[in-house]
């Protein structure tokens, strides 16, 4: 009887090993779950970024306001009928670089 009990305990231990320490163990499932949650967070951030870029692309395709804003801020452009005034820094006595 003791031999049968010992054999059954050994069999149960052998069957439990893959569950706790094997390739598909609970620890591995937990690690994959953590990776999945982290990837979901990354995906949410990227979806938000993509939505913002999509809105900007649609705005650029539909209207000239965004194009004009970029031309003014990034390229320093003015309209043909506008007059450009440059205000010098009184402390340095020189104009800012790039103007």
N, C-alpha and C. Protein backbone atom coordinates (compact mmCIF):
# COMPACT_ATOMS: atom_id res chain seq x y z
N UNK A 1 0.82 -1.19 0.00
CA UNK A 1 0.00 0.00 0.00
C UNK A 1 0.87 1.26 0.00
N UNK A 2 1.96 1.23 0.78
CA UNK A 2 2.85 2.39 0.82
C UNK A 2 3.51 2.61 -0.54
N UNK A 3 3.82 1.53 -1.22
CA UNK A 3 4.44 1.64 -2.54
C UNK A 3 3.47 2.27 -3.53
N UNK A 4 2.22 1.91 -3.47
CA UNK A 4 1.20 2.48 -4.35
C UNK A 4 1.02 3.98 -4.06
N UNK A 5 0.98 4.35 -2.79
CA UNK A 5 0.85 5.75 -2.40
C UNK A 5 2.05 6.55 -2.88
N UNK A 6 3.23 6.00 -2.69
CA UNK A 6 4.45 6.67 -3.13
C UNK A 6 4.47 6.82 -4.65
N UNK A 7 4.03 5.79 -5.36
CA UNK A 7 3.98 5.85 -6.82
C UNK A 7 2.98 6.91 -7.28
N UNK A 8 1.84 7.00 -6.62
CA UNK A 8 0.84 8.00 -6.99
C UNK A 8 1.32 9.42 -6.70
N UNK A 9 2.00 9.62 -5.58
CA UNK A 9 2.56 10.93 -5.26
C UNK A 9 3.62 11.32 -6.29
N UNK A 10 4.46 10.38 -6.67
CA UNK A 10 5.48 10.65 -7.69
C UNK A 10 4.82 10.97 -9.03
N UNK A 11 3.76 10.27 -9.38
CA UNK A 11 3.04 10.52 -10.63
C UNK A 11 2.40 11.91 -10.61
N UNK A 12 1.80 12.26 -9.50
CA UNK A 12 1.20 13.59 -9.38
C UNK A 12 2.27 14.67 -9.48
N UNK A 13 3.42 14.45 -8.84
CA UNK A 13 4.52 15.42 -8.92
C UNK A 13 5.01 15.56 -10.36
N UNK A 14 5.12 14.45 -11.08
CA UNK A 14 5.55 14.51 -12.47
C UNK A 14 4.52 15.24 -13.34
N UNK A 15 3.25 15.06 -13.04
CA UNK A 15 2.22 15.74 -13.81
C UNK A 15 2.14 17.23 -13.46
N UNK A 16 2.50 17.60 -12.25
CA UNK A 16 2.45 18.99 -11.83
C UNK A 16 3.65 19.80 -12.33
N UNK A 17 4.76 19.15 -12.62
CA UNK A 17 5.96 19.85 -13.04
C UNK A 17 5.71 20.75 -14.26
N UNK A 18 5.11 20.23 -15.35
CA UNK A 18 4.88 21.11 -16.51
C UNK A 18 3.92 22.27 -16.19
N UNK A 19 2.99 22.03 -15.29
CA UNK A 19 2.02 23.06 -14.95
C UNK A 19 2.70 24.26 -14.28
N UNK A 20 3.66 24.02 -13.42
CA UNK A 20 4.30 25.09 -12.67
C UNK A 20 5.63 25.54 -13.27
N UNK A 21 6.38 24.65 -13.90
CA UNK A 21 7.73 24.99 -14.34
C UNK A 21 8.00 24.73 -15.82
N UNK A 22 7.08 24.13 -16.53
CA UNK A 22 7.31 23.75 -17.92
C UNK A 22 7.11 24.90 -18.90
N UNK A 23 7.07 24.55 -20.18
CA UNK A 23 6.97 25.52 -21.26
C UNK A 23 5.67 26.33 -21.18
N UNK A 24 4.57 25.69 -20.88
CA UNK A 24 3.29 26.38 -20.78
C UNK A 24 2.86 26.58 -19.35
N UNK A 25 3.79 26.86 -18.48
CA UNK A 25 3.51 26.95 -17.05
C UNK A 25 2.73 28.21 -16.70
N UNK A 26 2.25 28.25 -15.46
CA UNK A 26 1.54 29.43 -14.97
C UNK A 26 2.45 30.65 -14.98
N UNK A 27 3.71 30.46 -14.68
CA UNK A 27 4.65 31.58 -14.69
C UNK A 27 4.78 32.16 -16.09
N UNK A 28 4.88 31.29 -17.08
CA UNK A 28 4.99 31.74 -18.47
C UNK A 28 3.70 32.44 -18.91
N UNK A 29 2.56 31.91 -18.49
CA UNK A 29 1.28 32.55 -18.81
C UNK A 29 1.23 33.95 -18.21
N UNK A 30 1.69 34.10 -16.98
CA UNK A 30 1.71 35.40 -16.32
C UNK A 30 2.62 36.37 -17.06
N UNK A 31 3.81 35.90 -17.46
CA UNK A 31 4.75 36.75 -18.20
C UNK A 31 4.15 37.21 -19.52
N UNK A 32 3.53 36.30 -20.23
CA UNK A 32 2.92 36.64 -21.52
C UNK A 32 1.76 37.62 -21.30
N UNK A 33 1.02 37.44 -20.23
CA UNK A 33 -0.07 38.36 -19.91
C UNK A 33 0.47 39.76 -19.65
N UNK A 34 1.58 39.87 -18.95
CA UNK A 34 2.20 41.17 -18.69
C UNK A 34 2.68 41.81 -20.00
N UNK A 35 3.27 41.00 -20.87
CA UNK A 35 3.72 41.51 -22.16
C UNK A 35 2.54 41.98 -23.00
N UNK A 36 1.45 41.24 -22.93
CA UNK A 36 0.24 41.60 -23.67
C UNK A 36 -0.32 42.93 -23.19
N UNK A 37 -0.36 43.13 -21.90
CA UNK A 37 -0.85 44.40 -21.35
C UNK A 37 0.05 45.56 -21.77
N UNK A 38 1.36 45.35 -21.73
CA UNK A 38 2.29 46.40 -22.15
C UNK A 38 2.10 46.72 -23.63
N UNK A 39 1.89 45.69 -24.44
CA UNK A 39 1.69 45.91 -25.87
C UNK A 39 0.38 46.64 -26.13
N UNK A 40 -0.65 46.35 -25.35
CA UNK A 40 -1.92 47.07 -25.49
C UNK A 40 -1.74 48.56 -25.19
N UNK A 41 -0.94 48.89 -24.18
CA UNK A 41 -0.68 50.30 -23.86
C UNK A 41 0.06 50.98 -25.01
N UNK A 42 1.05 50.29 -25.55
CA UNK A 42 1.80 50.84 -26.69
C UNK A 42 0.87 51.05 -27.87
N UNK A 43 0.00 50.07 -28.12
CA UNK A 43 -0.94 50.18 -29.24
C UNK A 43 -1.90 51.35 -29.06
N UNK A 44 -2.36 51.57 -27.83
CA UNK A 44 -3.26 52.70 -27.56
C UNK A 44 -2.56 54.03 -27.88
N UNK A 45 -1.31 54.16 -27.46
CA UNK A 45 -0.57 55.39 -27.73
C UNK A 45 -0.37 55.58 -29.23
N UNK A 46 -0.05 54.50 -29.93
CA UNK A 46 0.15 54.60 -31.37
C UNK A 46 -1.15 54.90 -32.10
N UNK A 47 -2.27 54.36 -31.62
CA UNK A 47 -3.56 54.67 -32.24
C UNK A 47 -3.91 56.14 -32.05
N UNK A 48 -3.61 56.68 -30.89
CA UNK A 48 -3.86 58.11 -30.66
C UNK A 48 -3.00 58.96 -31.60
N UNK A 49 -1.74 58.57 -31.72
CA UNK A 49 -0.83 59.30 -32.61
C UNK A 49 -1.30 59.21 -34.06
N UNK A 50 -1.71 58.00 -34.47
CA UNK A 50 -2.20 57.82 -35.83
C UNK A 50 -3.46 58.64 -36.09
N UNK A 51 -4.34 58.73 -35.10
CA UNK A 51 -5.56 59.53 -35.26
C UNK A 51 -5.21 61.00 -35.43
N UNK A 52 -4.24 61.48 -34.67
CA UNK A 52 -3.82 62.88 -34.80
C UNK A 52 -3.20 63.13 -36.16
N UNK A 53 -2.36 62.21 -36.61
CA UNK A 53 -1.75 62.36 -37.94
C UNK A 53 -2.79 62.28 -39.04
N UNK A 54 -3.77 61.40 -38.88
CA UNK A 54 -4.85 61.27 -39.86
C UNK A 54 -5.65 62.57 -39.94
N UNK A 55 -5.94 63.16 -38.79
CA UNK A 55 -6.67 64.43 -38.79
C UNK A 55 -5.86 65.52 -39.47
N UNK A 56 -4.57 65.54 -39.23
CA UNK A 56 -3.71 66.54 -39.87
C UNK A 56 -3.65 66.34 -41.38
N UNK A 57 -3.57 65.09 -41.81
CA UNK A 57 -3.54 64.80 -43.25
C UNK A 57 -4.85 65.24 -43.90
N UNK A 58 -5.99 64.91 -43.25
CA UNK A 58 -7.28 65.33 -43.79
C UNK A 58 -7.37 66.86 -43.86
N UNK A 59 -6.86 67.53 -42.84
CA UNK A 59 -6.88 68.99 -42.84
C UNK A 59 -6.02 69.55 -43.96
N UNK A 60 -4.87 68.93 -44.18
CA UNK A 60 -3.99 69.39 -45.26
C UNK A 60 -4.62 69.15 -46.62
N UNK A 61 -5.37 68.07 -46.77
CA UNK A 61 -6.01 67.78 -48.05
C UNK A 61 -7.20 68.70 -48.30
N UNK A 62 -7.93 69.06 -47.25
CA UNK A 62 -9.17 69.79 -47.44
C UNK A 62 -9.01 71.31 -47.38
N UNK A 63 -8.13 71.79 -46.57
CA UNK A 63 -8.07 73.24 -46.40
C UNK A 63 -6.67 73.78 -46.52
N UNK A 64 -6.61 75.07 -46.75
CA UNK A 64 -5.32 75.73 -46.89
C UNK A 64 -4.85 76.34 -45.58
N UNK A 65 -5.70 76.34 -44.56
CA UNK A 65 -5.32 76.95 -43.28
C UNK A 65 -4.10 76.28 -42.67
N UNK A 66 -4.07 74.96 -42.68
CA UNK A 66 -2.94 74.25 -42.09
C UNK A 66 -1.67 74.48 -42.90
N UNK A 67 -1.81 74.54 -44.21
CA UNK A 67 -0.65 74.79 -45.06
C UNK A 67 -0.10 76.19 -44.80
N UNK A 68 -1.02 77.16 -44.70
CA UNK A 68 -0.59 78.53 -44.43
C UNK A 68 0.08 78.64 -43.07
N UNK A 69 -0.48 77.97 -42.08
CA UNK A 69 0.10 78.00 -40.73
C UNK A 69 1.51 77.44 -40.72
N UNK A 70 1.70 76.31 -41.41
CA UNK A 70 3.04 75.72 -41.47
C UNK A 70 4.01 76.61 -42.24
N UNK A 71 3.54 77.20 -43.34
CA UNK A 71 4.41 78.07 -44.13
C UNK A 71 4.86 79.27 -43.31
N UNK A 72 3.96 79.81 -42.51
CA UNK A 72 4.30 80.97 -41.69
C UNK A 72 5.25 80.60 -40.55
N UNK A 73 4.91 79.52 -39.83
CA UNK A 73 5.69 79.19 -38.63
C UNK A 73 7.02 78.51 -38.95
N UNK A 74 7.01 77.59 -39.89
CA UNK A 74 8.23 76.81 -40.15
C UNK A 74 9.14 77.45 -41.20
N UNK A 75 8.53 78.13 -42.18
CA UNK A 75 9.33 78.68 -43.27
C UNK A 75 9.45 80.20 -43.21
N UNK A 76 8.70 80.83 -42.31
CA UNK A 76 8.77 82.28 -42.18
C UNK A 76 8.19 83.02 -43.38
N UNK A 77 7.25 82.43 -44.06
CA UNK A 77 6.67 83.04 -45.26
C UNK A 77 5.57 84.04 -44.88
N UNK A 78 5.37 85.02 -45.76
CA UNK A 78 4.29 85.99 -45.62
C UNK A 78 3.54 86.06 -46.95
N UNK A 79 2.34 86.59 -46.89
CA UNK A 79 1.56 86.75 -48.12
C UNK A 79 2.13 87.89 -48.95
N UNK A 80 1.73 87.90 -50.20
CA UNK A 80 2.26 88.91 -51.12
C UNK A 80 1.80 90.32 -50.70
N UNK A 81 0.60 90.45 -50.16
CA UNK A 81 0.08 91.77 -49.80
C UNK A 81 0.40 92.17 -48.36
N UNK A 82 1.20 91.40 -47.66
CA UNK A 82 1.55 91.70 -46.28
C UNK A 82 2.92 92.37 -46.21
N UNK A 83 3.13 93.09 -45.13
CA UNK A 83 4.43 93.73 -44.88
C UNK A 83 5.06 93.03 -43.69
N UNK A 84 6.32 92.64 -43.85
CA UNK A 84 7.04 91.93 -42.79
C UNK A 84 7.83 92.93 -41.96
N UNK A 85 7.61 92.91 -40.65
CA UNK A 85 8.37 93.75 -39.73
C UNK A 85 9.25 92.85 -38.88
N UNK A 86 10.50 93.24 -38.74
CA UNK A 86 11.43 92.50 -37.89
C UNK A 86 11.80 93.38 -36.72
N UNK A 87 11.55 92.89 -35.52
CA UNK A 87 11.85 93.65 -34.32
C UNK A 87 13.15 93.11 -33.75
N UNK A 88 14.12 94.00 -33.62
CA UNK A 88 15.43 93.60 -33.12
C UNK A 88 15.41 93.56 -31.60
N UNK A 89 16.19 92.67 -31.06
CA UNK A 89 16.33 92.55 -29.61
C UNK A 89 17.17 93.73 -29.14
N UNK A 90 16.62 94.58 -28.28
CA UNK A 90 17.32 95.79 -27.87
C UNK A 90 18.54 95.51 -27.00
N UNK A 91 18.56 94.41 -26.29
CA UNK A 91 19.70 94.10 -25.43
C UNK A 91 20.90 93.61 -26.22
N UNK A 92 20.64 92.80 -27.22
CA UNK A 92 21.75 92.25 -28.00
C UNK A 92 22.09 93.14 -29.18
N UNK A 93 21.12 93.86 -29.70
CA UNK A 93 21.37 94.73 -30.83
C UNK A 93 21.47 94.00 -32.15
N UNK A 94 21.16 92.72 -32.18
CA UNK A 94 21.22 91.95 -33.41
C UNK A 94 19.91 91.23 -33.61
N UNK A 95 19.67 90.88 -34.83
CA UNK A 95 18.45 90.13 -35.16
C UNK A 95 18.64 88.67 -34.79
N UNK A 96 17.57 87.98 -34.46
CA UNK A 96 17.67 86.54 -34.19
C UNK A 96 18.17 85.80 -35.43
N UNK A 97 18.87 84.73 -35.22
CA UNK A 97 19.44 83.95 -36.32
C UNK A 97 18.33 83.38 -37.18
N UNK A 98 18.56 83.34 -38.49
CA UNK A 98 17.63 82.72 -39.41
C UNK A 98 16.60 83.66 -39.97
N UNK A 99 16.63 84.94 -39.64
CA UNK A 99 15.63 85.88 -40.17
C UNK A 99 16.28 86.87 -41.08
